[in-house]
Amino acid sequence: MLLKNMIQNFGRRGGIVLNKPFFSIITATLNSEAVISALLDSLALQTCRDFEVIIQDGASVDSTVLLAKTYDSRLPAILIESERDTGIYDAWNKAIKRARGEWILFLGADDCLYSPSSLKSAKKVLFPLGGEISYAGFSLLLTTAEDIPAETCRPSARPYEELAGGMSLPHPALFHRKRLFSENMFSTDYAVSGDYDFLCRTLSKDNYTLSDMVLCRMRAGGVSGSPLTMLRGELESLSISCRHFPGALRGKIYTRICRSYLIRGVNALLGGQAAFTLADMLRKSKGKTALWSGKQDAYPTLHALPEQPLVSLLIVTLGRKEPLHRLFSSLNRQTYQNIEILIADQNPPGFLDDVIRTLDERIPVKHLLLQEKGLSQARNALLPLANGNIIAFPDDDCWYLPETLERITNLFAHEAHLGAIYSAWRDSDIQCFNNQVHLSGVSNIFRKACSIVQFYRREATNGIYFDTTLGVGAGTPYGAGEDTDFLLQVFERGVAVGRTDDVLVCHPVPEHHAPMVESSVYSYALGRMRILHKHNFSFWFVMVNILYPLSRILYEGLKAWPYCKAMFLGLLRGFFAVRKAR
């Protein structure tokens, strides 16, 4: 009967494919007609065709099986079997017996591969691996129920050591070597955490490899992904951890269990919406985006970047040679070299010639001489000349770590839904890479997102220019805020913006506690007030900004008093000045 089904499935393809594929993609379905097309479409679009699809259906009463069969001509091979099972792990065990691939990937019916090149890129990682490697862990993009990107879930850097605390490798992005199943299968004793149990039995300190590449998209929800049903999975995980790691500390699991009980309690007392709101509040407290408490607007779709995107660095400079030479030296040392440099030179002719000659001759340079002095005007002059897929605005006195641009291009490749990323900065060459990127809210950018750490997909900024009434320059009424205003314009397009604590950019620390020139402080304060009013921030948010300098005294001490006092008075004056100007 099985042979007959296989012949029927492949009849239109000219018979059963005998060559073993490299990948077997296994999916368990049950009444999945509403979601299965997205998965099968993502598989049909793969540029790597060295795979088979195995669908183990649990006797669906809808059109899941009929819909899957329509993909027969679009996939290299598809095997479909429909019969009752006792759950997802029973279905997976049945499908494994039919799998012929060297590597097996288990995807949910509502998951999908991240891009058409996902399997091609994964094969480049897996093909050269030695026989001692049985697992390959990749990253996945977690999305809301509306398929809006929420966060990137990455494999733990130490998955074996952290296994006692729960699942340390995102399972839909985890390739399994088929030989793992010669002596082990998924336990059907578990409804939710059988994959965690299997990993506890088979993962070792040296039988895995890891990759930062985002392999697939997974929607929040389902039995293990809803805040109202997570408790069952956490209790199963606790039982599994106790059995396999009897002496280990399990603080993370107990914390998640307490959180799940709290959410269920709120659900019982106040209803599901209150429970979802609480669950998202707990996520936001960790810097993560909401998943369940309300429908969100989708982000604009961005085109895929080329494999080696061009990075345009737009530099405005006036009166600085040595700092600019330091920046150029750091660009010469970049491990990523597909860059172009655009310089808006506001110095006398010839002033920078000897500095520009220090740039590596392989880096193309566009040198624009400008007589008019002004930061925003100069950047606007450079923007139409930039050809890059990614653009940035380094100050002439900052410098990059050798890996800065390589890390940025990788982050944009892995977080393809983001139109902009802003990072951290320090005053020393200290590497602090952690690969974590979170969606940013608008309010976050006022303390951290200065221009030197802003990196943009050019596609997200088309048609956006710097406000020439903001920023340093002769006759500019507002002496700061042009970079914040630029990023706010990107936000207002609905583009997703990410933030990371990776230290990618270096810059001298300003001496806030030195005596401040009142006119300078006043100018900066006016800029802040201008953009708060321009972008219609609430009165209460404006008040928080005015009072913030005084709060710094609490943790910086009296040495900060001169600066904080001057800034507070400047913001206060700016508040009334901007309102009067309106």
Protein backbone atom coordinates (compact mmCIF):
# COMPACT_ATOMS: atom_id res chain seq x y z
CA MET A 1 0.00 0.00 0.00
CA LEU A 2 2.80 2.41 0.85
CA LEU A 3 4.51 1.67 -2.47
CA LYS A 4 1.23 2.30 -4.26
CA ASN A 5 0.80 5.65 -2.53
CA MET A 6 4.36 6.64 -3.43
CA ILE A 7 3.80 5.72 -7.08
CA GLN A 8 0.61 7.76 -7.10
CA ASN A 9 2.39 10.70 -5.52
CA PHE A 10 5.17 10.62 -8.10
CA GLY A 11 3.15 9.43 -11.09
CA ARG A 12 3.15 12.81 -12.76
CA ARG A 13 6.91 13.13 -12.18
CA GLY A 14 7.81 10.00 -14.10
CA GLY A 15 8.20 7.55 -11.23
CA ILE A 16 9.90 7.34 -7.85
CA VAL A 17 13.16 9.25 -7.44
CA LEU A 18 15.85 6.75 -6.50
CA ASN A 19 18.78 9.04 -5.78
CA LYS A 20 19.08 9.90 -2.13
CA PRO A 21 18.44 13.58 -1.45
CA PHE A 22 20.68 15.62 0.85
CA PHE A 23 17.74 16.93 2.91
CA SER A 24 14.51 15.41 4.17
CA ILE A 25 11.96 18.04 5.27
CA ILE A 26 9.39 16.46 7.59
CA THR A 27 6.08 18.09 8.47
CA ALA A 28 3.28 16.71 10.63
CA THR A 29 -0.14 18.07 9.67
CA LEU A 30 -3.67 17.91 11.00
CA ASN A 31 -6.39 20.03 9.37
CA SER A 32 -3.72 22.48 8.19
CA GLU A 33 -5.22 23.69 4.91
CA ALA A 34 -5.16 27.32 6.08
CA VAL A 35 -1.39 27.41 6.65
CA ILE A 36 0.28 24.62 4.66
CA SER A 37 0.56 26.63 1.43
CA ALA A 38 3.03 29.12 2.90
CA LEU A 39 5.37 26.28 3.91
CA LEU A 40 5.10 24.46 0.58
CA ASP A 41 5.53 27.70 -1.38
CA SER A 42 8.76 28.43 0.51
CA LEU A 43 10.00 24.93 -0.31
CA ALA A 44 8.99 25.15 -3.97
CA LEU A 45 11.01 28.37 -4.36
CA GLN A 46 14.27 26.87 -3.07
CA THR A 47 17.21 27.28 -5.42
CA CYS A 48 18.71 24.09 -3.97
CA ARG A 49 16.65 21.16 -5.25
CA ASP A 50 18.46 18.40 -3.38
CA PHE A 51 15.62 17.62 -0.96
CA GLU A 52 12.44 15.68 -0.41
CA VAL A 53 9.31 16.70 1.47
CA ILE A 54 7.59 14.18 3.73
CA ILE A 55 4.12 15.08 4.98
CA GLN A 56 2.75 12.88 7.74
CA ASP A 57 -0.90 13.79 8.05
CA GLY A 58 -3.01 12.79 11.03
CA ALA A 59 -6.14 11.88 9.04
CA SER A 60 -7.24 15.46 8.35
CA VAL A 61 -10.91 16.02 7.50
CA ASP A 62 -10.20 19.23 5.55
CA SER A 63 -8.32 19.68 2.26
CA THR A 64 -4.79 19.48 3.66
CA VAL A 65 -3.80 16.35 1.72
CA LEU A 66 -5.43 17.43 -1.55
CA LEU A 67 -3.73 20.82 -1.31
CA ALA A 68 -0.35 19.24 -0.63
CA LYS A 69 -0.70 16.97 -3.67
CA THR A 70 -1.05 20.01 -5.94
CA TYR A 71 2.63 20.78 -5.22
CA ASP A 72 3.80 17.51 -6.77
CA SER A 73 5.05 19.21 -9.95
CA ARG A 74 6.72 22.09 -8.06
CA LEU A 75 8.83 20.06 -5.62
CA PRO A 76 11.73 17.67 -6.31
CA ALA A 77 9.92 14.95 -4.37
CA ILE A 78 6.93 14.85 -2.04
CA LEU A 79 5.70 11.85 -0.07
CA ILE A 80 2.31 12.10 1.63
CA GLU A 81 0.79 9.66 4.06
CA SER A 82 -2.44 10.22 5.97
CA GLU A 83 -3.47 8.05 8.91
CA ARG A 84 -4.34 8.54 12.56
CA ASP A 85 -1.51 9.09 15.02
CA THR A 86 -1.18 9.78 18.74
CA GLY A 87 0.46 13.19 18.33
CA ILE A 88 3.25 15.07 16.62
CA TYR A 89 6.05 12.81 17.86
CA ASP A 90 4.26 9.68 16.70
CA ALA A 91 3.82 11.36 13.30
CA TRP A 92 7.50 12.32 13.14
CA ASN A 93 8.57 8.77 13.99
CA LYS A 94 6.48 7.42 11.13
CA ALA A 95 7.90 9.96 8.71
CA ILE A 96 11.51 9.27 9.78
CA LYS A 97 11.18 5.66 8.62
CA ARG A 98 10.51 6.94 5.09
CA ALA A 99 13.18 9.64 5.08
CA ARG A 100 16.10 9.10 2.69
CA GLY A 101 18.04 12.33 3.23
CA GLU A 102 21.36 12.61 5.03
CA TRP A 103 20.01 15.53 7.10
CA ILE A 104 16.47 15.83 8.48
CA LEU A 105 14.67 19.07 9.32
CA PHE A 106 11.34 19.15 11.18
CA LEU A 107 9.14 22.11 10.23
CA GLY A 108 5.70 22.94 11.54
CA ALA A 109 2.82 23.22 9.11
CA ASP A 110 2.73 26.99 9.70
CA ASP A 111 6.52 27.47 9.52
CA CYS A 112 8.36 28.32 6.34
CA LEU A 113 11.93 28.66 5.13
CA TYR A 114 13.33 32.16 5.41
CA SER A 115 14.41 32.76 1.81
CA PRO A 116 14.75 30.90 -1.51
CA SER A 117 18.44 30.39 -0.78
CA SER A 118 17.94 28.93 2.73
CA LEU A 119 18.69 25.30 1.81
CA LYS A 120 21.50 26.30 -0.53
CA SER A 121 23.19 28.27 2.26
CA ALA A 122 22.57 25.48 4.78
CA LYS A 123 24.11 22.91 2.44
CA LYS A 124 27.29 24.98 2.25
CA VAL A 125 27.53 24.63 6.03
CA LEU A 126 26.55 20.97 6.26
CA PHE A 127 28.27 19.40 3.25
CA PRO A 128 31.89 19.68 4.51
CA LEU A 129 31.08 18.51 8.07
CA GLY A 130 32.83 15.44 9.38
CA GLY A 131 30.95 12.33 10.44
CA GLU A 132 31.30 13.18 14.13
CA ILE A 133 28.80 16.06 13.75
CA SER A 134 25.19 15.01 14.19
CA TYR A 135 23.49 18.37 14.71
CA ALA A 136 23.63 21.75 12.96
CA GLY A 137 21.85 24.57 14.75
CA PHE A 138 20.70 27.69 12.89
CA SER A 139 18.60 30.70 13.89
CA LEU A 140 14.91 31.30 13.29
CA LEU A 141 12.79 34.42 12.98
CA LEU A 142 9.87 34.39 15.41
CA THR A 143 6.84 36.28 14.10
CA THR A 144 3.46 37.30 15.48
CA ALA A 145 0.27 35.52 14.47
CA GLU A 146 -0.01 38.12 11.67
CA ASP A 147 3.48 37.07 10.48
CA ILE A 148 5.08 40.33 11.64
CA PRO A 149 8.75 39.84 12.65
CA ALA A 150 9.20 39.91 16.43
CA GLU A 151 12.66 38.57 17.28
CA THR A 152 15.46 36.33 16.09
CA CYS A 153 15.90 33.18 18.18
CA ARG A 154 19.49 32.00 18.04
CA PRO A 155 21.07 28.79 19.24
CA SER A 156 22.80 29.00 22.58
CA ALA A 157 26.56 29.49 22.35
CA ARG A 158 26.93 26.53 24.76
CA PRO A 159 23.93 24.32 23.96
CA TYR A 160 25.14 21.19 25.74
CA GLU A 161 26.12 22.99 28.95
CA GLU A 162 22.82 24.92 29.01
CA LEU A 163 20.58 21.99 28.11
CA ALA A 164 19.52 21.40 31.71
CA GLY A 165 17.77 24.79 31.64
CA GLY A 166 15.57 23.91 28.68
CA MET A 167 15.69 23.75 24.90
CA SER A 168 18.99 25.38 23.92
CA LEU A 169 18.65 24.97 20.14
CA PRO A 170 15.61 26.28 18.20
CA HIS A 171 14.13 23.02 16.93
CA PRO A 172 12.60 24.21 13.62
CA ALA A 173 16.08 25.50 12.69
CA LEU A 174 17.94 22.36 13.81
CA PHE A 175 19.21 19.80 11.28
CA HIS A 176 19.48 16.20 12.53
CA ARG A 177 21.84 13.67 10.94
CA LYS A 178 19.63 10.73 9.98
CA ARG A 179 21.83 8.17 11.72
CA LEU A 180 20.69 9.65 15.06
CA PHE A 181 17.44 7.77 14.55
CA SER A 182 19.01 4.35 14.03
CA GLU A 183 18.93 3.78 17.79
CA ASN A 184 16.74 6.63 19.07
CA MET A 185 13.26 7.87 18.24
CA PHE A 186 11.03 10.58 19.70
CA SER A 187 9.25 9.56 22.88
CA THR A 188 5.47 9.58 22.49
CA ASP A 189 5.10 9.99 26.26
CA TYR A 190 5.27 13.77 25.78
CA ALA A 191 2.78 16.03 24.06
CA VAL A 192 4.93 19.16 23.77
CA SER A 193 8.55 18.55 24.82
CA GLY A 194 9.49 15.32 23.06
CA ASP A 195 12.06 17.20 20.95
CA TYR A 196 13.72 18.46 24.16
CA ASP A 197 13.82 14.91 25.53
CA PHE A 198 15.39 13.62 22.30
CA LEU A 199 18.04 16.34 22.43
CA CYS A 200 18.86 15.50 26.06
CA ARG A 201 19.45 11.89 25.03
CA THR A 202 21.54 12.52 21.93
CA LEU A 203 23.37 15.88 22.14
CA SER A 204 26.96 15.77 23.34
CA LYS A 205 29.73 18.31 23.89
CA ASP A 206 31.26 17.77 20.47
CA ASN A 207 28.60 16.46 18.05
CA TYR A 208 27.11 19.77 16.90
CA THR A 209 27.95 22.89 14.92
CA LEU A 210 26.27 26.30 15.04
CA SER A 211 25.49 29.03 12.53
CA ASP A 212 24.08 32.57 12.91
CA MET A 213 22.19 32.24 9.63
CA VAL A 214 18.41 32.62 9.87
CA LEU A 215 16.97 29.45 8.36
CA CYS A 216 13.22 29.71 8.84
CA ARG A 217 10.26 31.73 10.10
CA MET A 218 8.06 30.45 12.91
CA ARG A 219 4.77 32.00 14.01
CA ALA A 220 4.04 32.41 17.70
CA GLY A 221 1.16 30.24 18.83
CA GLY A 222 0.30 26.57 18.90
CA VAL A 223 0.47 24.31 21.91
CA SER A 224 3.98 25.36 22.93
CA GLY A 225 3.83 28.96 21.71
CA SER A 226 0.77 30.42 23.41
CA PRO A 227 1.15 32.01 26.87
CA LEU A 228 -1.98 30.14 28.00
CA THR A 229 -0.68 26.70 27.01
CA MET A 230 3.06 27.01 27.70
CA LEU A 231 2.69 25.60 31.22
CA ARG A 232 2.25 22.03 29.99
CA GLY A 233 5.48 22.23 28.01
CA GLU A 234 7.38 23.78 30.93
CA LEU A 235 6.22 21.06 33.33
CA GLU A 236 7.25 18.40 30.82
CA SER A 237 10.63 20.11 30.43
CA LEU A 238 11.10 20.12 34.20
CA SER A 239 10.42 16.38 34.36
CA ILE A 240 12.82 15.71 31.47
CA SER A 241 15.55 17.89 32.95
CA CYS A 242 15.27 16.21 36.36
CA ARG A 243 15.61 12.79 34.77
CA HIS A 244 18.59 13.57 32.53
CA PHE A 245 20.39 16.13 34.73
CA PRO A 246 19.58 15.15 38.33
CA GLY A 247 22.15 17.42 39.97
CA ALA A 248 21.70 20.51 37.82
CA LEU A 249 20.27 23.89 38.80
CA ARG A 250 17.01 24.60 37.02
CA GLY A 251 16.35 28.24 37.82
CA LYS A 252 15.37 29.14 34.26
CA ILE A 253 12.75 26.40 34.07
CA TYR A 254 11.28 27.29 37.47
CA THR A 255 11.14 30.96 36.45
CA ARG A 256 9.23 30.08 33.29
CA ILE A 257 6.86 27.84 35.25
CA CYS A 258 6.11 30.64 37.74
CA ARG A 259 5.51 33.02 34.84
CA SER A 260 3.13 30.54 33.19
CA TYR A 261 1.17 30.04 36.43
CA LEU A 262 0.91 33.83 36.83
CA ILE A 263 -0.40 34.29 33.30
CA ARG A 264 -2.92 31.48 33.72
CA GLY A 265 -4.07 33.01 36.99
CA VAL A 266 -4.64 36.38 35.36
CA ASN A 267 -6.52 34.60 32.58
CA ALA A 268 -8.80 32.91 35.11
CA LEU A 269 -9.50 36.16 36.98
CA LEU A 270 -9.52 38.82 34.25
CA GLY A 271 -9.76 36.99 30.95
CA GLY A 272 -7.55 36.19 28.00
CA GLN A 273 -6.84 39.74 26.84
CA ALA A 274 -5.46 40.69 30.26
CA ALA A 275 -3.34 37.54 30.27
CA PHE A 276 -1.93 38.31 26.82
CA THR A 277 -1.21 41.89 27.88
CA LEU A 278 0.68 40.64 30.95
CA ALA A 279 2.64 38.15 28.84
CA ASP A 280 3.69 40.93 26.48
CA MET A 281 4.57 43.24 29.37
CA LEU A 282 6.96 40.56 30.61
CA ARG A 283 8.47 40.33 27.12
CA LYS A 284 8.85 44.10 26.86
CA SER A 285 10.62 44.18 30.22
CA LYS A 286 13.36 42.15 28.50
CA GLY A 287 13.53 44.49 25.52
CA LYS A 288 11.43 42.24 23.28
CA THR A 289 8.46 43.16 21.14
CA ALA A 290 4.82 42.23 21.85
CA LEU A 291 3.49 38.98 20.43
CA TRP A 292 -0.05 38.47 21.64
CA SER A 293 -1.77 41.55 23.09
CA GLY A 294 -2.98 43.20 19.93
CA LYS A 295 -2.93 43.14 16.18
CA GLN A 296 0.01 45.09 14.79
CA ASP A 297 0.55 46.77 11.46
CA ALA A 298 2.82 44.86 9.13
CA TYR A 299 6.22 46.28 8.24
CA PRO A 300 6.92 47.16 4.62
CA THR A 301 8.47 44.34 2.64
CA LEU A 302 12.13 44.98 1.80
CA HIS A 303 13.95 43.42 -1.12
CA ALA A 304 16.66 40.87 -0.45
CA LEU A 305 20.17 42.28 -0.24
CA PRO A 306 22.86 40.96 -2.61
CA GLU A 307 25.37 38.52 -1.14
CA GLN A 308 28.00 41.27 -0.92
CA PRO A 309 26.03 44.51 -0.41
CA LEU A 310 27.81 47.78 -1.10
CA VAL A 311 28.20 49.97 2.00
CA SER A 312 28.28 53.75 1.47
CA LEU A 313 29.95 55.81 4.20
CA LEU A 314 28.93 59.48 4.08
CA ILE A 315 31.46 61.64 5.94
CA VAL A 316 31.19 65.37 6.57
CA THR A 317 34.40 67.01 7.78
CA LEU A 318 35.63 70.45 8.78
CA GLY A 319 38.99 71.37 10.30
CA ARG A 320 40.07 67.85 11.32
CA LYS A 321 43.03 65.95 9.94
CA GLU A 322 44.35 63.61 12.63
CA PRO A 323 40.91 62.27 13.68
CA LEU A 324 39.99 61.76 10.02
CA HIS A 325 43.26 59.92 9.42
CA ARG A 326 42.36 57.59 12.33
CA LEU A 327 38.95 56.92 10.77
CA PHE A 328 40.50 56.19 7.36
CA SER A 329 43.06 53.85 8.95
CA SER A 330 40.22 51.91 10.59
CA LEU A 331 38.46 51.64 7.21
CA ASN A 332 41.63 50.27 5.60
CA ARG A 333 41.61 47.50 8.23
CA GLN A 334 38.01 46.43 7.68
CA THR A 335 37.51 42.71 7.15
CA TYR A 336 34.63 43.67 4.81
CA GLN A 337 35.86 45.74 1.88
CA ASN A 338 32.90 46.23 -0.47
CA ILE A 339 32.56 49.86 0.58
CA GLU A 340 32.63 53.33 -0.93
CA ILE A 341 33.48 56.58 0.83
CA LEU A 342 31.79 59.88 0.12
CA ILE A 343 33.40 62.97 1.66
CA ALA A 344 31.71 66.36 2.00
CA ASP A 345 34.77 68.55 2.49
CA GLN A 346 34.06 71.98 3.99
CA ASN A 347 37.77 72.90 4.24
CA PRO A 348 39.90 75.02 1.89
CA PRO A 349 40.92 73.21 -1.34
CA GLY A 350 43.84 70.82 -0.79
CA PHE A 351 43.45 70.71 2.99
CA LEU A 352 42.63 66.97 3.02
CA ASP A 353 44.62 65.76 0.03
CA ASP A 354 47.38 64.07 2.04
CA VAL A 355 44.83 62.42 4.38
CA ILE A 356 42.72 61.06 1.51
CA ARG A 357 45.85 59.55 -0.06
CA THR A 358 46.21 57.31 2.99
CA LEU A 359 43.04 55.40 2.02
CA ASP A 360 43.49 51.99 0.46
CA GLU A 361 43.47 52.50 -3.31
CA ARG A 362 40.90 49.70 -3.66
CA ILE A 363 38.29 51.79 -1.84
CA PRO A 364 36.47 54.16 -4.23
CA VAL A 365 36.23 57.75 -2.97
CA LYS A 366 33.93 60.58 -4.01
CA HIS A 367 35.35 63.90 -2.78
CA LEU A 368 32.93 66.81 -2.81
CA LEU A 369 34.14 70.32 -1.95
CA LEU A 370 31.48 72.50 -0.33
CA GLN A 371 31.72 76.16 0.49
CA GLU A 372 28.55 76.28 2.58
CA LYS A 373 29.10 75.17 6.18
CA GLY A 374 26.41 72.93 7.61
CA LEU A 375 26.16 69.27 8.63
CA SER A 376 22.65 68.56 7.37
CA GLN A 377 23.19 70.41 4.10
CA ALA A 378 26.41 68.50 3.46
CA ARG A 379 24.84 65.09 4.14
CA ASN A 380 21.94 65.95 1.85
CA ALA A 381 24.46 66.78 -0.89
CA LEU A 382 26.06 63.34 -0.49
CA LEU A 383 22.88 61.24 -0.31
CA PRO A 384 22.05 61.34 -4.07
CA LEU A 385 25.65 60.33 -4.88
CA ALA A 386 25.61 57.17 -2.73
CA ASN A 387 25.26 53.88 -4.61
CA GLY A 388 25.30 51.57 -1.58
CA ASN A 389 22.68 49.09 -0.43
CA ILE A 390 23.57 50.14 3.12
CA ILE A 391 24.44 53.68 4.17
CA ALA A 392 26.00 55.13 7.32
CA PHE A 393 27.10 58.55 8.58
CA PRO A 394 30.36 58.23 10.55
CA ASP A 395 31.64 61.43 12.20
CA ASP A 396 35.12 62.53 11.18
CA ASP A 397 36.38 61.88 14.74
CA CYS A 398 34.99 58.34 15.20
CA TRP A 399 36.58 55.07 14.10
CA TYR A 400 35.49 51.49 13.47
CA LEU A 401 36.67 48.16 14.81
CA PRO A 402 38.04 45.86 12.07
CA GLU A 403 34.88 43.73 12.12
CA THR A 404 32.38 46.61 12.20
CA LEU A 405 31.15 46.57 8.62
CA GLU A 406 31.29 42.79 8.36
CA ARG A 407 29.11 42.51 11.45
CA ILE A 408 26.68 45.12 10.14
CA THR A 409 26.26 43.44 6.75
CA ASN A 410 25.74 40.09 8.50
CA LEU A 411 23.15 41.58 10.83
CA PHE A 412 21.21 43.03 7.91
CA ALA A 413 21.42 39.69 6.09
CA HIS A 414 20.15 37.78 9.13
CA GLU A 415 17.55 40.41 10.11
CA ALA A 416 16.20 41.07 6.64
CA HIS A 417 12.98 42.64 7.95
CA LEU A 418 14.95 45.56 9.46
CA GLY A 419 15.34 48.80 7.53
CA ALA A 420 17.74 50.33 10.06
CA ILE A 421 19.99 49.17 12.89
CA TYR A 422 21.63 51.33 15.52
CA SER A 423 24.41 50.00 17.68
CA ALA A 424 26.46 51.00 20.70
CA TRP A 425 29.73 52.92 20.92
CA ARG A 426 32.71 53.21 23.23
CA ASP A 427 35.88 55.26 23.46
CA SER A 428 38.22 52.26 23.13
CA ASP A 429 38.81 49.31 20.80
CA ILE A 430 36.98 46.79 22.96
CA GLN A 431 35.15 44.02 21.14
CA CYS A 432 31.80 43.09 22.62
CA PHE A 433 29.90 41.15 19.97
CA ASN A 434 26.78 39.24 21.10
CA ASN A 435 24.70 39.00 17.88
CA GLN A 436 21.55 40.12 19.69
CA VAL A 437 19.26 42.51 17.83
CA HIS A 438 15.91 43.65 19.23
CA LEU A 439 13.17 45.73 17.66
CA SER A 440 13.44 49.31 18.86
CA GLY A 441 10.66 51.57 20.00
CA VAL A 442 10.62 55.27 19.16
CA SER A 443 11.39 56.38 22.72
CA ASN A 444 14.60 54.29 22.86
CA ILE A 445 16.41 56.33 20.26
CA PHE A 446 16.75 59.57 22.25
CA ARG A 447 19.55 58.28 24.46
CA LYS A 448 21.41 55.86 22.22
CA ALA A 449 20.81 56.36 18.51
CA CYS A 450 23.25 59.11 17.53
CA SER A 451 24.31 59.32 13.89
CA ILE A 452 27.66 57.54 14.28
CA VAL A 453 25.92 54.27 15.22
CA GLN A 454 23.07 54.45 12.70
CA PHE A 455 23.15 52.08 9.73
CA TYR A 456 20.36 52.06 7.12
CA ARG A 457 19.10 49.91 4.31
CA ARG A 458 19.14 52.46 1.47
CA GLU A 459 15.73 51.19 0.38
CA ALA A 460 14.25 52.34 3.71
CA THR A 461 15.58 55.91 3.34
CA ASN A 462 14.73 56.69 -0.28
CA GLY A 463 13.30 60.21 -0.43
CA ILE A 464 14.28 61.06 3.16
CA TYR A 465 16.66 63.96 3.79
CA PHE A 466 18.09 65.73 6.80
CA ASP A 467 16.16 68.71 8.13
CA THR A 468 18.44 71.68 7.35
CA THR A 469 17.05 73.66 10.27
CA LEU A 470 18.63 71.06 12.57
CA GLY A 471 22.28 70.25 13.22
CA VAL A 472 25.59 72.04 13.44
CA GLY A 473 26.08 74.82 10.90
CA ALA A 474 26.25 78.52 10.29
CA GLY A 475 22.85 80.12 10.87
CA THR A 476 21.13 76.84 11.82
CA PRO A 477 18.44 77.74 14.39
CA TYR A 478 18.59 74.33 16.11
CA GLY A 479 22.08 73.03 16.80
CA ALA A 480 21.32 69.31 17.17
CA GLY A 481 18.80 66.58 16.52
CA GLU A 482 19.22 66.13 12.77
CA ASP A 483 20.19 62.46 13.17
CA THR A 484 17.28 61.71 15.50
CA ASP A 485 14.90 63.45 13.11
CA PHE A 486 16.23 61.36 10.19
CA LEU A 487 15.64 58.11 12.09
CA LEU A 488 12.18 59.26 13.19
CA GLN A 489 11.27 59.81 9.54
CA VAL A 490 12.21 56.19 8.89
CA PHE A 491 10.10 55.09 11.87
CA GLU A 492 7.12 57.05 10.55
CA ARG A 493 7.26 55.05 7.32
CA GLY A 494 6.49 51.98 9.40
CA VAL A 495 9.95 50.52 8.78
CA ALA A 496 11.25 48.08 11.40
CA VAL A 497 14.26 49.45 13.29
CA GLY A 498 16.60 47.25 15.33
CA ARG A 499 18.93 48.03 18.20
CA THR A 500 21.94 46.07 19.39
CA ASP A 501 24.35 46.38 22.29
CA ASP A 502 27.21 45.22 20.11
CA VAL A 503 30.07 47.70 20.34
CA LEU A 504 30.74 48.48 16.69
CA VAL A 505 31.82 52.13 16.69
CA CYS A 506 34.40 54.04 18.73
CA HIS A 507 34.24 57.74 19.58
CA PRO A 508 35.90 60.01 22.13
CA VAL A 509 33.78 60.54 25.24
CA PRO A 510 32.53 64.13 25.43
CA GLU A 511 33.55 65.98 28.57
CA HIS A 512 30.10 66.63 29.96
CA HIS A 513 31.38 67.79 33.32
CA ALA A 514 33.66 70.54 32.02
CA PRO A 515 32.30 74.09 32.10
CA MET A 516 29.73 74.33 29.33
CA VAL A 517 29.14 77.32 27.08
CA GLU A 518 25.53 78.30 27.73
CA SER A 519 24.86 79.09 24.08
CA SER A 520 25.97 75.58 23.03
CA VAL A 521 23.77 73.88 25.60
CA TYR A 522 20.88 76.11 24.62
CA SER A 523 21.37 75.20 20.95
CA TYR A 524 21.35 71.47 21.67
CA ALA A 525 18.29 71.85 23.90
CA LEU A 526 16.44 73.77 21.18
CA GLY A 527 17.13 70.90 18.76
CA ARG A 528 15.67 68.35 21.12
CA MET A 529 12.56 70.43 21.75
CA ARG A 530 12.18 71.08 18.02
CA ILE A 531 12.03 67.41 17.05
CA LEU A 532 9.73 66.53 19.97
CA HIS A 533 7.23 69.09 18.72
CA LYS A 534 7.83 68.32 15.04
CA HIS A 535 6.98 64.65 15.55
CA ASN A 536 4.07 65.29 17.94
CA PHE A 537 5.40 63.58 21.05
CA SER A 538 3.09 63.69 24.04
CA PHE A 539 3.30 66.44 26.63
CA TRP A 540 4.32 63.91 29.28
CA PHE A 541 7.20 62.59 27.16
CA VAL A 542 8.37 66.18 26.67
CA MET A 543 8.29 66.70 30.45
CA VAL A 544 10.34 63.55 31.03
CA ASN A 545 12.97 64.88 28.61
CA ILE A 546 13.13 68.21 30.44
CA LEU A 547 13.52 66.59 33.86
CA TYR A 548 15.93 63.86 32.75
CA PRO A 549 19.15 65.95 33.18
CA LEU A 550 18.32 66.47 36.86
CA SER A 551 17.84 62.74 37.39
CA ARG A 552 21.39 62.10 36.19
CA ILE A 553 22.74 63.77 39.32
CA LEU A 554 21.36 60.84 41.35
CA TYR A 555 23.75 58.34 39.76
CA GLU A 556 26.56 60.60 38.49
CA GLY A 557 26.96 62.73 41.60
CA LEU A 558 27.53 66.45 42.06
CA LYS A 559 30.29 66.51 39.44
CA ALA A 560 27.50 66.38 36.86
CA TRP A 561 25.71 69.40 38.34
CA PRO A 562 27.11 72.12 36.00
CA TYR A 563 26.22 70.16 32.87
CA CYS A 564 22.86 68.91 34.15
CA LYS A 565 21.82 72.34 35.35
CA ALA A 566 22.76 73.98 32.07
CA MET A 567 20.98 71.31 30.03
CA PHE A 568 17.85 71.47 32.20
CA LEU A 569 17.62 75.26 31.86
CA GLY A 570 18.31 75.00 28.14
CA LEU A 571 15.55 72.42 27.64
CA LEU A 572 13.14 74.50 29.68
CA ARG A 573 13.92 77.60 27.65
CA GLY A 574 13.74 75.58 24.48
CA PHE A 575 10.30 74.27 25.46
CA PHE A 576 8.86 77.78 25.65
CA ALA A 577 10.87 79.09 22.66
CA VAL A 578 9.65 76.34 20.34
CA ARG A 579 6.08 76.76 21.52
CA LYS A 580 6.30 80.49 20.95
CA ALA A 581 7.72 79.94 17.45
CA ARG A 582 4.71 77.80 16.58
